[in-house]
Structures are given as C-alpha cells and as structure tokens.
Amino acid sequence: MSMMLKITSEMQQIARELNITLPPLDDDLPLQNTGLDSLGFALLVARLEDELGRDPFTNPDEFVFPDTIGDFVRAYENVRA
C-alpha cells in the first residue's frame, strides 16, 4: 500500500470517528482545508507512528511544517523508521 493511501485512509477513518466530512483528498489540498482540526491531526500523527513506526515531527532541526497533503505524505516517506 502506498504512503498516500495509508495516510488518506487513516484521515478518512478519523473523520468518520469525529463525524467530519472531508473534501476530496489530493496532493495539492492544503492541510488547513481538510476539515481535520488539531485533535484530528494529533490522532493522525499518533496512529501513523503506531502503524509505521516513524514520526517526521520529532526532529526539530530537520522539520519543515507541511502545507499540503502531498507535503505531509512526503514527510513520512522521507523519514527513517
């Protein structure tokens, strides 16, 4: 399964749990326009760390906050487990 599919599937699961309607999720969609709030993103990062064994946000020296879903996906693709 691709990283994009893993992340968007988890986003959709969280949205269902929080009763949030997501727009179509594509690379260019700004994260702020996904409909997920800070709780939703906290759940997403925690679940992805559990599932993937990686968290690209733990090293502040290398971290650049992602603007889009594509940036978010690449952050996970580029960090070592």
PDB file of N, CA and C in Angstrom:
ATOM      1  N   MET A   1       0.851  -1.181   0.000  1.00  0.00           N
ATOM      2  CA  MET A   1       0.000   0.000   0.000  1.00  0.00           C
ATOM      3  C   MET A   1       0.893   1.239   0.000  1.00  0.00           C
ATOM      4  N   SER A   2       0.551   2.206  -0.827  1.00  0.00           N
ATOM      5  CA  SER A   2       1.347   3.427  -0.903  1.00  0.00           C
ATOM      6  C   SER A   2       1.171   4.262   0.366  1.00  0.00           C
ATOM      7  N   MET A   3       2.146   5.121   0.613  1.00  0.00           N
ATOM      8  CA  MET A   3       2.078   6.000   1.777  1.00  0.00           C
ATOM      9  C   MET A   3       0.874   6.937   1.660  1.00  0.00           C
ATOM     10  N   MET A   4       0.611   7.434   0.468  1.00  0.00           N
ATOM     11  CA  MET A   4      -0.547   8.321   0.262  1.00  0.00           C
ATOM     12  C   MET A   4      -1.830   7.605   0.642  1.00  0.00           C
ATOM     13  N   LEU A   5      -1.973   6.370   0.206  1.00  0.00           N
ATOM     14  CA  LEU A   5      -3.180   5.614   0.509  1.00  0.00           C
ATOM     15  C   LEU A   5      -3.300   5.328   2.001  1.00  0.00           C
ATOM     16  N   LYS A   6      -2.195   4.987   2.647  1.00  0.00           N
ATOM     17  CA  LYS A   6      -2.225   4.741   4.095  1.00  0.00           C
ATOM     18  C   LYS A   6      -2.676   5.992   4.841  1.00  0.00           C
ATOM     19  N   ILE A   7      -2.090   7.114   4.484  1.00  0.00           N
ATOM     20  CA  ILE A   7      -2.395   8.364   5.198  1.00  0.00           C
ATOM     21  C   ILE A   7      -3.823   8.817   4.920  1.00  0.00           C
ATOM     22  N   THR A   8      -4.248   8.803   3.679  1.00  0.00           N
ATOM     23  CA  THR A   8      -5.607   9.261   3.388  1.00  0.00           C
ATOM     24  C   THR A   8      -6.655   8.299   3.956  1.00  0.00           C
ATOM     25  N   SER A   9      -6.354   7.010   3.988  1.00  0.00           N
ATOM     26  CA  SER A   9      -7.278   6.053   4.605  1.00  0.00           C
ATOM     27  C   SER A   9      -7.428   6.340   6.098  1.00  0.00           C
ATOM     28  N   GLU A  10      -6.325   6.638   6.749  1.00  0.00           N
ATOM     29  CA  GLU A  10      -6.375   6.957   8.181  1.00  0.00           C
ATOM     30  C   GLU A  10      -7.108   8.274   8.408  1.00  0.00           C
ATOM     31  N   MET A  11      -6.900   9.244   7.529  1.00  0.00           N
ATOM     32  CA  MET A  11      -7.623  10.517   7.639  1.00  0.00           C
ATOM     33  C   MET A  11      -9.125  10.288   7.516  1.00  0.00           C
ATOM     34  N   GLN A  12      -9.520   9.440   6.586  1.00  0.00           N
ATOM     35  CA  GLN A  12     -10.946   9.152   6.397  1.00  0.00           C
ATOM     36  C   GLN A  12     -11.523   8.430   7.611  1.00  0.00           C
ATOM     37  N   GLN A  13     -10.762   7.530   8.216  1.00  0.00           N
ATOM     38  CA  GLN A  13     -11.226   6.825   9.416  1.00  0.00           C
ATOM     39  C   GLN A  13     -11.426   7.811  10.571  1.00  0.00           C
ATOM     40  N   ILE A  14     -10.474   8.681  10.763  1.00  0.00           N
ATOM     41  CA  ILE A  14     -10.574   9.681  11.831  1.00  0.00           C
ATOM     42  C   ILE A  14     -11.764  10.605  11.578  1.00  0.00           C
ATOM     43  N   ALA A  15     -11.953  11.013  10.340  1.00  0.00           N
ATOM     44  CA  ALA A  15     -13.094  11.877  10.000  1.00  0.00           C
ATOM     45  C   ALA A  15     -14.408  11.184  10.331  1.00  0.00           C
ATOM     46  N   ARG A  16     -14.515   9.886  10.038  1.00  0.00           N
ATOM     47  CA  ARG A  16     -15.744   9.152  10.377  1.00  0.00           C
ATOM     48  C   ARG A  16     -15.946   9.141  11.895  1.00  0.00           C
ATOM     49  N   GLU A  17     -14.881   8.889  12.640  1.00  0.00           N
ATOM     50  CA  GLU A  17     -14.980   8.835  14.097  1.00  0.00           C
ATOM     51  C   GLU A  17     -15.368  10.184  14.698  1.00  0.00           C
ATOM     52  N   LEU A  18     -14.878  11.268  14.102  1.00  0.00           N
ATOM     53  CA  LEU A  18     -15.161  12.610  14.617  1.00  0.00           C
ATOM     54  C   LEU A  18     -16.361  13.266  13.935  1.00  0.00           C
ATOM     55  N   ASN A  19     -17.004  12.500  13.037  1.00  0.00           N
ATOM     56  CA  ASN A  19     -18.177  12.990  12.320  1.00  0.00           C
ATOM     57  C   ASN A  19     -17.859  14.257  11.518  1.00  0.00           C
ATOM     58  N   ILE A  20     -16.770  14.180  10.757  1.00  0.00           N
ATOM     59  CA  ILE A  20     -16.313  15.289   9.923  1.00  0.00           C
ATOM     60  C   ILE A  20     -16.405  14.847   8.469  1.00  0.00           C
ATOM     61  N   THR A  21     -16.857  15.739   7.605  1.00  0.00           N
ATOM     62  CA  THR A  21     -16.883  15.469   6.179  1.00  0.00           C
ATOM     63  C   THR A  21     -15.622  16.039   5.551  1.00  0.00           C
ATOM     64  N   LEU A  22     -14.856  15.173   4.898  1.00  0.00           N
ATOM     65  CA  LEU A  22     -13.628  15.605   4.243  1.00  0.00           C
ATOM     66  C   LEU A  22     -13.896  15.931   2.783  1.00  0.00           C
ATOM     67  N   PRO A  23     -13.164  16.896   2.234  1.00  0.00           N
ATOM     68  CA  PRO A  23     -13.226  17.129   0.790  1.00  0.00           C
ATOM     69  C   PRO A  23     -12.412  16.023   0.098  1.00  0.00           C
ATOM     70  N   PRO A  24     -12.431  15.977  -1.225  1.00  0.00           N
ATOM     71  CA  PRO A  24     -11.560  15.026  -1.918  1.00  0.00           C
ATOM     72  C   PRO A  24     -10.096  15.279  -1.516  1.00  0.00           C
ATOM     73  N   LEU A  25      -9.410  14.219  -1.131  1.00  0.00           N
ATOM     74  CA  LEU A  25      -8.038  14.333  -0.635  1.00  0.00           C
ATOM     75  C   LEU A  25      -7.060  14.093  -1.774  1.00  0.00           C
ATOM     76  N   ASP A  26      -6.328  15.157  -2.144  1.00  0.00           N
ATOM     77  CA  ASP A  26      -5.310  15.007  -3.175  1.00  0.00           C
ATOM     78  C   ASP A  26      -4.044  15.734  -2.751  1.00  0.00           C
ATOM     79  N   ASP A  27      -2.981  15.545  -3.509  1.00  0.00           N
ATOM     80  CA  ASP A  27      -1.667  16.104  -3.169  1.00  0.00           C
ATOM     81  C   ASP A  27      -1.674  17.598  -2.913  1.00  0.00           C
ATOM     82  N   ASP A  28      -2.455  18.337  -3.677  1.00  0.00           N
ATOM     83  CA  ASP A  28      -2.410  19.793  -3.628  1.00  0.00           C
ATOM     84  C   ASP A  28      -3.335  20.420  -2.583  1.00  0.00           C
ATOM     85  N   LEU A  29      -4.141  19.605  -1.917  1.00  0.00           N
ATOM     86  CA  LEU A  29      -5.084  20.149  -0.937  1.00  0.00           C
ATOM     87  C   LEU A  29      -4.327  20.662   0.293  1.00  0.00           C
ATOM     88  N   PRO A  30      -4.482  21.942   0.636  1.00  0.00           N
ATOM     89  CA  PRO A  30      -3.844  22.452   1.854  1.00  0.00           C
ATOM     90  C   PRO A  30      -4.374  21.705   3.086  1.00  0.00           C
ATOM     91  N   LEU A  31      -3.488  21.393   4.008  1.00  0.00           N
ATOM     92  CA  LEU A  31      -3.895  20.672   5.218  1.00  0.00           C
ATOM     93  C   LEU A  31      -4.986  21.417   5.974  1.00  0.00           C
ATOM     94  N   GLN A  32      -4.919  22.737   5.968  1.00  0.00           N
ATOM     95  CA  GLN A  32      -5.915  23.529   6.697  1.00  0.00           C
ATOM     96  C   GLN A  32      -7.301  23.421   6.071  1.00  0.00           C
ATOM     97  N   ASN A  33      -7.387  22.900   4.853  1.00  0.00           N
ATOM     98  CA  ASN A  33      -8.676  22.763   4.171  1.00  0.00           C
ATOM     99  C   ASN A  33      -9.214  21.333   4.201  1.00  0.00           C
ATOM    100  N   THR A  34      -8.576  20.457   4.962  1.00  0.00           N
ATOM    101  CA  THR A  34      -9.040  19.066   5.007  1.00  0.00           C
ATOM    102  C   THR A  34     -10.287  18.903   5.855  1.00  0.00           C
ATOM    103  N   GLY A  35     -10.489  19.793   6.809  1.00  0.00           N
ATOM    104  CA  GLY A  35     -11.607  19.654   7.730  1.00  0.00           C
ATOM    105  C   GLY A  35     -11.194  19.061   9.063  1.00  0.00           C
ATOM    106  N   LEU A  36      -9.964  18.499   9.127  1.00  0.00           N
ATOM    107  CA  LEU A  36      -9.482  17.980  10.404  1.00  0.00           C
ATOM    108  C   LEU A  36      -9.004  19.137  11.267  1.00  0.00           C
ATOM    109  N   ASP A  37      -9.325  19.077  12.552  1.00  0.00           N
ATOM    110  CA  ASP A  37      -8.860  20.085  13.492  1.00  0.00           C
ATOM    111  C   ASP A  37      -7.586  19.569  14.175  1.00  0.00           C
ATOM    112  N   SER A  38      -7.140  20.281  15.205  1.00  0.00           N
ATOM    113  CA  SER A  38      -5.899  19.882  15.875  1.00  0.00           C
ATOM    114  C   SER A  38      -6.023  18.492  16.502  1.00  0.00           C
ATOM    115  N   LEU A  39      -7.181  18.153  17.032  1.00  0.00           N
ATOM    116  CA  LEU A  39      -7.391  16.814  17.580  1.00  0.00           C
ATOM    117  C   LEU A  39      -7.277  15.771  16.474  1.00  0.00           C
ATOM    118  N   GLY A  40      -7.882  16.042  15.342  1.00  0.00           N
ATOM    119  CA  GLY A  40      -7.817  15.115  14.219  1.00  0.00           C
ATOM    120  C   GLY A  40      -6.390  14.877  13.761  1.00  0.00           C
ATOM    121  N   PHE A  41      -5.603  15.934  13.676  1.00  0.00           N
ATOM    122  CA  PHE A  41      -4.204  15.772  13.260  1.00  0.00           C
ATOM    123  C   PHE A  41      -3.372  15.092  14.339  1.00  0.00           C
ATOM    124  N   ALA A  42      -3.659  15.365  15.598  1.00  0.00           N
ATOM    125  CA  ALA A  42      -2.945  14.669  16.678  1.00  0.00           C
ATOM    126  C   ALA A  42      -3.226  13.171  16.620  1.00  0.00           C
ATOM    127  N   LEU A  43      -4.478  12.811  16.403  1.00  0.00           N
ATOM    128  CA  LEU A  43      -4.827  11.395  16.247  1.00  0.00           C
ATOM    129  C   LEU A  43      -4.125  10.791  15.038  1.00  0.00           C
ATOM    130  N   LEU A  44      -4.105  11.527  13.943  1.00  0.00           N
ATOM    131  CA  LEU A  44      -3.474  11.044  12.721  1.00  0.00           C
ATOM    132  C   LEU A  44      -1.991  10.759  12.941  1.00  0.00           C
ATOM    133  N   VAL A  45      -1.279  11.698  13.509  1.00  0.00           N
ATOM    134  CA  VAL A  45       0.159  11.524  13.730  1.00  0.00           C
ATOM    135  C   VAL A  45       0.424  10.377  14.697  1.00  0.00           C
ATOM    136  N   ALA A  46      -0.365  10.285  15.764  1.00  0.00           N
ATOM    137  CA  ALA A  46      -0.184   9.203  16.741  1.00  0.00           C
ATOM    138  C   ALA A  46      -0.445   7.836  16.103  1.00  0.00           C
ATOM    139  N   ARG A  47      -1.495   7.730  15.331  1.00  0.00           N
ATOM    140  CA  ARG A  47      -1.821   6.444  14.690  1.00  0.00           C
ATOM    141  C   ARG A  47      -0.792   6.067  13.636  1.00  0.00           C
ATOM    142  N   LEU A  48      -0.333   7.049  12.872  1.00  0.00           N
ATOM    143  CA  LEU A  48       0.684   6.750  11.868  1.00  0.00           C
ATOM    144  C   LEU A  48       1.989   6.312  12.533  1.00  0.00           C
ATOM    145  N   GLU A  49       2.336   6.928  13.656  1.00  0.00           N
ATOM    146  CA  GLU A  49       3.545   6.500  14.369  1.00  0.00           C
ATOM    147  C   GLU A  49       3.391   5.066  14.860  1.00  0.00           C
ATOM    148  N   ASP A  50       2.218   4.727  15.389  1.00  0.00           N
ATOM    149  CA  ASP A  50       1.978   3.352  15.833  1.00  0.00           C
ATOM    150  C   ASP A  50       2.067   2.363  14.671  1.00  0.00           C
ATOM    151  N   GLU A  51       1.457   2.728  13.554  1.00  0.00           N
ATOM    152  CA  GLU A  51       1.387   1.821  12.405  1.00  0.00           C
ATOM    153  C   GLU A  51       2.708   1.739  11.637  1.00  0.00           C
ATOM    154  N   LEU A  52       3.360   2.882  11.454  1.00  0.00           N
ATOM    155  CA  LEU A  52       4.539   2.943  10.596  1.00  0.00           C
ATOM    156  C   LEU A  52       5.855   2.933  11.365  1.00  0.00           C
ATOM    157  N   GLY A  53       5.775   3.236  12.659  1.00  0.00           N
ATOM    158  CA  GLY A  53       6.990   3.287  13.462  1.00  0.00           C
ATOM    159  C   GLY A  53       7.856   4.489  13.164  1.00  0.00           C
ATOM    160  N   ARG A  54       7.240   5.543  12.668  1.00  0.00           N
ATOM    161  CA  ARG A  54       8.002   6.753  12.367  1.00  0.00           C
ATOM    162  C   ARG A  54       7.166   8.005  12.620  1.00  0.00           C
ATOM    163  N   ASP A  55       7.866   9.073  12.961  1.00  0.00           N
ATOM    164  CA  ASP A  55       7.220  10.358  13.201  1.00  0.00           C
ATOM    165  C   ASP A  55       8.149  11.443  12.679  1.00  0.00           C
ATOM    166  N   PRO A  56       7.832  12.042  11.544  1.00  0.00           N
ATOM    167  CA  PRO A  56       8.725  13.051  10.971  1.00  0.00           C
ATOM    168  C   PRO A  56       8.775  14.359  11.754  1.00  0.00           C
ATOM    169  N   PHE A  57       7.971  14.469  12.791  1.00  0.00           N
ATOM    170  CA  PHE A  57       7.889  15.725  13.528  1.00  0.00           C
ATOM    171  C   PHE A  57       8.685  15.729  14.822  1.00  0.00           C
ATOM    172  N   THR A  58       9.509  14.717  15.049  1.00  0.00           N
ATOM    173  CA  THR A  58      10.254  14.629  16.303  1.00  0.00           C
ATOM    174  C   THR A  58      11.618  15.291  16.250  1.00  0.00           C
ATOM    175  N   ASN A  59      12.143  15.563  15.074  1.00  0.00           N
ATOM    176  CA  ASN A  59      13.450  16.208  14.956  1.00  0.00           C
ATOM    177  C   ASN A  59      13.267  17.648  14.502  1.00  0.00           C
ATOM    178  N   PRO A  60      13.287  18.595  15.441  1.00  0.00           N
ATOM    179  CA  PRO A  60      13.006  19.984  15.088  1.00  0.00           C
ATOM    180  C   PRO A  60      14.047  20.600  14.153  1.00  0.00           C
ATOM    181  N   ASP A  61      15.259  20.037  14.102  1.00  0.00           N
ATOM    182  CA  ASP A  61      16.292  20.587  13.222  1.00  0.00           C
ATOM    183  C   ASP A  61      16.005  20.307  11.754  1.00  0.00           C
ATOM    184  N   GLU A  62      15.304  19.213  11.470  1.00  0.00           N
ATOM    185  CA  GLU A  62      15.029  18.829  10.097  1.00  0.00           C
ATOM    186  C   GLU A  62      13.578  19.095   9.693  1.00  0.00           C
ATOM    187  N   PHE A  63      12.764  19.484  10.632  1.00  0.00           N
ATOM    188  CA  PHE A  63      11.328  19.587  10.392  1.00  0.00           C
ATOM    189  C   PHE A  63      10.956  20.862   9.644  1.00  0.00           C
ATOM    190  N   VAL A  64      10.157  20.694   8.615  1.00  0.00           N
ATOM    191  CA  VAL A  64       9.516  21.799   7.909  1.00  0.00           C
ATOM    192  C   VAL A  64       8.032  21.461   7.899  1.00  0.00           C
ATOM    193  N   PHE A  65       7.201  22.354   8.447  1.00  0.00           N
ATOM    194  CA  PHE A  65       5.783  22.056   8.547  1.00  0.00           C
ATOM    195  C   PHE A  65       5.180  21.907   7.159  1.00  0.00           C
ATOM    196  N   PRO A  66       4.485  20.799   6.914  1.00  0.00           N
ATOM    197  CA  PRO A  66       3.885  20.573   5.598  1.00  0.00           C
ATOM    198  C   PRO A  66       2.680  21.484   5.366  1.00  0.00           C
ATOM    199  N   ASP A  67       2.558  21.978   4.139  1.00  0.00           N
ATOM    200  CA  ASP A  67       1.432  22.843   3.781  1.00  0.00           C
ATOM    201  C   ASP A  67       0.282  22.060   3.163  1.00  0.00           C
ATOM    202  N   THR A  68       0.611  21.031   2.390  1.00  0.00           N
ATOM    203  CA  THR A  68      -0.403  20.280   1.646  1.00  0.00           C
ATOM    204  C   THR A  68      -0.373  18.803   2.048  1.00  0.00           C
ATOM    205  N   ILE A  69      -1.369  18.076   1.599  1.00  0.00           N
ATOM    206  CA  ILE A  69      -1.370  16.636   1.854  1.00  0.00           C
ATOM    207  C   ILE A  69      -0.144  15.996   1.211  1.00  0.00           C
ATOM    208  N   GLY A  70       0.221  16.435   0.022  1.00  0.00           N
ATOM    209  CA  GLY A  70       1.413  15.905  -0.633  1.00  0.00           C
ATOM    210  C   GLY A  70       2.660  16.142   0.194  1.00  0.00           C
ATOM    211  N   ASP A  71       2.804  17.329   0.784  1.00  0.00           N
ATOM    212  CA  ASP A  71       3.944  17.624   1.659  1.00  0.00           C
ATOM    213  C   ASP A  71       3.930  16.711   2.884  1.00  0.00           C
ATOM    214  N   PHE A  72       2.756  16.491   3.440  1.00  0.00           N
ATOM    215  CA  PHE A  72       2.593  15.637   4.625  1.00  0.00           C
ATOM    216  C   PHE A  72       3.018  14.207   4.295  1.00  0.00           C
ATOM    217  N   VAL A  73       2.576  13.708   3.148  1.00  0.00           N
ATOM    218  CA  VAL A  73       2.931  12.356   2.718  1.00  0.00           C
ATOM    219  C   VAL A  73       4.446  12.252   2.514  1.00  0.00           C
ATOM    220  N   ARG A  74       5.035  13.222   1.840  1.00  0.00           N
ATOM    221  CA  ARG A  74       6.489  13.196   1.606  1.00  0.00           C
ATOM    222  C   ARG A  74       7.275  13.253   2.908  1.00  0.00           C
ATOM    223  N   ALA A  75       6.746  13.952   3.912  1.00  0.00           N
ATOM    224  CA  ALA A  75       7.420  13.979   5.214  1.00  0.00           C
ATOM    225  C   ALA A  75       7.531  12.561   5.780  1.00  0.00           C
ATOM    226  N   TYR A  76       6.484  11.766   5.622  1.00  0.00           N
ATOM    227  CA  TYR A  76       6.521  10.386   6.104  1.00  0.00           C
ATOM    228  C   TYR A  76       7.380   9.495   5.211  1.00  0.00           C
ATOM    229  N   GLU A  77       7.379   9.766   3.930  1.00  0.00           N
ATOM    230  CA  GLU A  77       8.196   8.962   3.018  1.00  0.00           C
ATOM    231  C   GLU A  77       9.684   9.202   3.241  1.00  0.00           C
ATOM    232  N   ASN A  78      10.050  10.407   3.671  1.00  0.00           N
ATOM    233  CA  ASN A  78      11.458  10.787   3.771  1.00  0.00           C
ATOM    234  C   ASN A  78      12.081  10.575   5.140  1.00  0.00           C
ATOM    235  N   VAL A  79      11.328  10.077   6.100  1.00  0.00           N
ATOM    236  CA  VAL A  79      11.884   9.837   7.438  1.00  0.00           C
ATOM    237  C   VAL A  79      12.132   8.345   7.605  1.00  0.00           C
ATOM    238  N   ARG A  80      13.242   8.026   8.261  1.00  0.00           N
ATOM    239  CA  ARG A  80      13.548   6.621   8.506  1.00  0.00           C
ATOM    240  C   ARG A  80      12.737   6.091   9.671  1.00  0.00           C
ATOM    241  N   ALA A  81      12.372   4.836   9.580  1.00  0.00           N
ATOM    242  CA  ALA A  81      11.611   4.189  10.659  1.00  0.00           C
ATOM    243  C   ALA A  81      12.496   3.947  11.855  1.00  0.00           C
TER     244      ALA A  81
END
